[in-house]
Amino acid sequence: MRQVDVPQVAAMEERAYAFPWTAGIFRDCLGAGYACWVAESPDGLMGYGVLSVGADEAHLLNLCVDPAWQGHGLGRRLLRRMVDLARWHMADRVFLEVRPSNPNAIALYASEGFMKIGQRPRYYPAKDGREDAIVMALELVAPGSAPPA
């Protein structure tokens, strides 16, 4: 993702979510040096991911597929790319938050090995106030090494 992509990314975010990030948040993520990636076709952007890494941990801050491209495996491909980036940055684990009202995302994350490790009360804005967040984590194992016992 580059600064020039931000207007398209923010427009996609608005199409996909009832409570979208602003263009300013995406600009701030780029300015902070977060791993911000887009998936694109000749017709334009199809999705994006935002990952922060620090202190041996990665945090998947945002993963979105344009509603027109959902259901074609792009979310899984983006998620795997973000996990690969976390490994490249030598993170030991990846964390994320997801809305309980988003069963498709929960299923995707679980199918890729993310486990529920907690809950954040009233984390997300919602139509009727606030919604909790499910906290999930994926322990990363370096290629060729044994998983922890």
Protein backbone atom coordinates (compact mmCIF):
# COMPACT_ATOMS: atom_id res chain seq x y z
CA MET A 1 0.00 0.00 0.00
CA ARG A 2 1.17 3.48 -0.82
CA GLN A 3 -0.21 6.89 0.11
CA VAL A 4 -1.75 7.12 -3.38
CA ASP A 5 -3.82 3.98 -2.58
CA VAL A 6 -5.38 5.45 0.57
CA PRO A 7 -8.49 6.98 -1.07
CA GLN A 8 -9.35 3.64 -2.74
CA VAL A 9 -8.57 1.70 0.42
CA ALA A 10 -10.74 4.02 2.55
CA ALA A 11 -13.60 3.75 0.02
CA MET A 12 -13.35 -0.05 0.15
CA GLU A 13 -13.34 0.07 3.95
CA GLU A 14 -16.58 2.09 3.84
CA ARG A 15 -18.19 -0.45 1.50
CA ALA A 16 -17.18 -3.35 3.72
CA TYR A 17 -17.78 -2.10 7.27
CA ALA A 18 -20.48 -0.23 9.14
CA PHE A 19 -17.80 1.46 11.28
CA PRO A 20 -14.87 1.99 8.90
CA TRP A 21 -11.40 3.27 9.53
CA THR A 22 -10.81 6.75 8.17
CA ALA A 23 -8.32 7.63 5.44
CA GLY A 24 -6.28 9.32 8.17
CA ILE A 25 -5.89 6.05 10.07
CA PHE A 26 -4.50 4.37 6.96
CA ARG A 27 -2.12 7.29 6.36
CA ASP A 28 -0.98 7.04 9.99
CA CYS A 29 -0.34 3.29 9.61
CA LEU A 30 1.79 3.93 6.54
CA GLY A 31 3.64 6.72 8.34
CA ALA A 32 4.30 4.45 11.32
CA GLY A 33 5.94 1.91 9.03
CA TYR A 34 3.36 -0.84 9.48
CA ALA A 35 3.24 -3.57 6.88
CA CYS A 36 0.38 -2.34 4.69
CA TRP A 37 -0.32 -4.46 1.63
CA VAL A 38 -2.95 -4.36 -1.10
CA ALA A 39 -4.25 -7.04 -3.45
CA GLU A 40 -5.00 -5.64 -6.86
CA SER A 41 -6.23 -6.68 -10.25
CA PRO A 42 -6.12 -4.78 -13.55
CA ASP A 43 -9.53 -3.41 -12.51
CA GLY A 44 -8.28 -1.95 -9.22
CA LEU A 45 -7.82 -2.84 -5.57
CA MET A 46 -9.51 -5.99 -4.28
CA GLY A 47 -8.41 -6.04 -0.63
CA TYR A 48 -5.75 -5.05 1.88
CA GLY A 49 -4.10 -5.94 5.15
CA VAL A 50 -2.38 -3.92 7.87
CA LEU A 51 0.09 -5.54 10.26
CA SER A 52 2.17 -4.01 13.05
CA VAL A 53 5.19 -5.82 14.44
CA GLY A 54 7.12 -5.12 17.62
CA ALA A 55 8.62 -6.89 20.61
CA ASP A 56 8.56 -10.28 18.83
CA GLU A 57 4.79 -10.01 18.29
CA ALA A 58 2.66 -9.07 15.33
CA HIS A 59 -0.82 -7.59 15.43
CA LEU A 60 -3.13 -7.91 12.46
CA LEU A 61 -4.86 -4.55 12.66
CA ASN A 62 -7.07 -4.76 9.59
CA LEU A 63 -7.85 -7.29 6.88
CA CYS A 64 -10.47 -6.48 4.30
CA VAL A 65 -11.69 -7.82 0.98
CA ASP A 66 -13.89 -5.61 -1.15
CA PRO A 67 -17.46 -6.98 -0.95
CA ALA A 68 -17.39 -7.53 -4.73
CA TRP A 69 -14.44 -9.93 -4.31
CA GLN A 70 -15.55 -11.80 -1.17
CA GLY A 71 -16.05 -15.54 -1.34
CA HIS A 72 -13.20 -16.22 -3.78
CA GLY A 73 -10.38 -17.07 -1.35
CA LEU A 74 -8.75 -13.65 -1.40
CA GLY A 75 -9.19 -13.15 2.36
CA ARG A 76 -7.29 -16.38 3.01
CA ARG A 77 -4.51 -15.35 0.62
CA LEU A 78 -4.20 -11.94 2.28
CA LEU A 79 -4.21 -13.50 5.75
CA ARG A 80 -1.47 -15.92 4.77
CA ARG A 81 0.57 -13.05 3.34
CA MET A 82 0.23 -11.12 6.61
CA VAL A 83 1.33 -14.20 8.58
CA ASP A 84 4.29 -14.63 6.22
CA LEU A 85 5.24 -10.99 6.86
CA ALA A 86 5.05 -11.60 10.61
CA ARG A 87 7.42 -14.55 10.21
CA TRP A 88 9.75 -12.47 8.04
CA HIS A 89 9.87 -9.90 10.87
CA MET A 90 10.75 -12.75 13.28
CA ALA A 91 7.53 -12.46 15.30
CA ASP A 92 6.75 -15.35 17.64
CA ARG A 93 2.98 -14.91 17.39
CA VAL A 94 0.27 -12.97 15.64
CA PHE A 95 -2.67 -11.43 17.48
CA LEU A 96 -5.93 -10.06 16.13
CA GLU A 97 -9.34 -8.92 17.28
CA VAL A 98 -12.54 -9.91 15.50
CA ARG A 99 -16.19 -9.09 16.04
CA PRO A 100 -18.32 -11.97 17.36
CA SER A 101 -20.88 -10.81 14.77
CA ASN A 102 -18.44 -11.73 11.95
CA PRO A 103 -18.66 -15.55 11.80
CA ASN A 104 -17.02 -15.75 8.37
CA ALA A 105 -13.88 -14.01 9.64
CA ILE A 106 -13.82 -16.13 12.80
CA ALA A 107 -14.07 -19.29 10.70
CA LEU A 108 -11.29 -18.11 8.38
CA TYR A 109 -8.95 -17.31 11.26
CA ALA A 110 -9.70 -20.60 13.04
CA SER A 111 -9.12 -22.57 9.82
CA GLU A 112 -5.66 -20.97 9.57
CA GLY A 113 -4.74 -22.00 13.12
CA PHE A 114 -5.73 -18.93 15.15
CA MET A 115 -7.07 -19.80 18.60
CA LYS A 116 -9.38 -17.74 20.80
CA ILE A 117 -7.36 -16.51 23.77
CA GLY A 118 -9.64 -13.89 25.27
CA GLN A 119 -12.20 -11.19 24.86
CA ARG A 120 -12.07 -7.40 24.99
CA PRO A 121 -15.31 -5.98 26.41
CA ARG A 122 -16.96 -3.15 24.47
CA TYR A 123 -14.03 -2.92 22.02
CA TYR A 124 -15.87 -2.08 18.80
CA PRO A 125 -18.47 0.58 18.05
CA ALA A 126 -21.82 -0.98 17.20
CA LYS A 127 -25.27 0.12 16.14
CA ASP A 128 -26.62 -0.23 19.66
CA GLY A 129 -23.55 0.93 21.60
CA ARG A 130 -20.45 -1.25 21.76
CA GLU A 131 -19.55 -4.82 20.79
CA ASP A 132 -16.98 -7.06 22.44
CA ALA A 133 -13.98 -8.32 20.50
CA ILE A 134 -12.77 -11.89 20.38
CA VAL A 135 -8.97 -11.94 20.73
CA MET A 136 -7.26 -14.66 18.70
CA ALA A 137 -3.61 -15.63 18.40
CA LEU A 138 -1.45 -17.79 16.17
CA GLU A 139 1.83 -19.13 17.50
CA LEU A 140 4.46 -19.01 14.77
CA VAL A 141 7.01 -21.76 14.36
CA ALA A 142 10.10 -21.20 12.25
CA PRO A 143 10.25 -23.45 9.18
CA GLY A 144 12.16 -26.63 9.96
CA SER A 145 11.82 -26.32 13.75
CA ALA A 146 9.68 -28.39 16.06
CA PRO A 147 6.58 -26.84 17.61
CA PRO A 148 6.77 -26.01 21.33
CA ALA A 149 6.08 -28.96 23.65
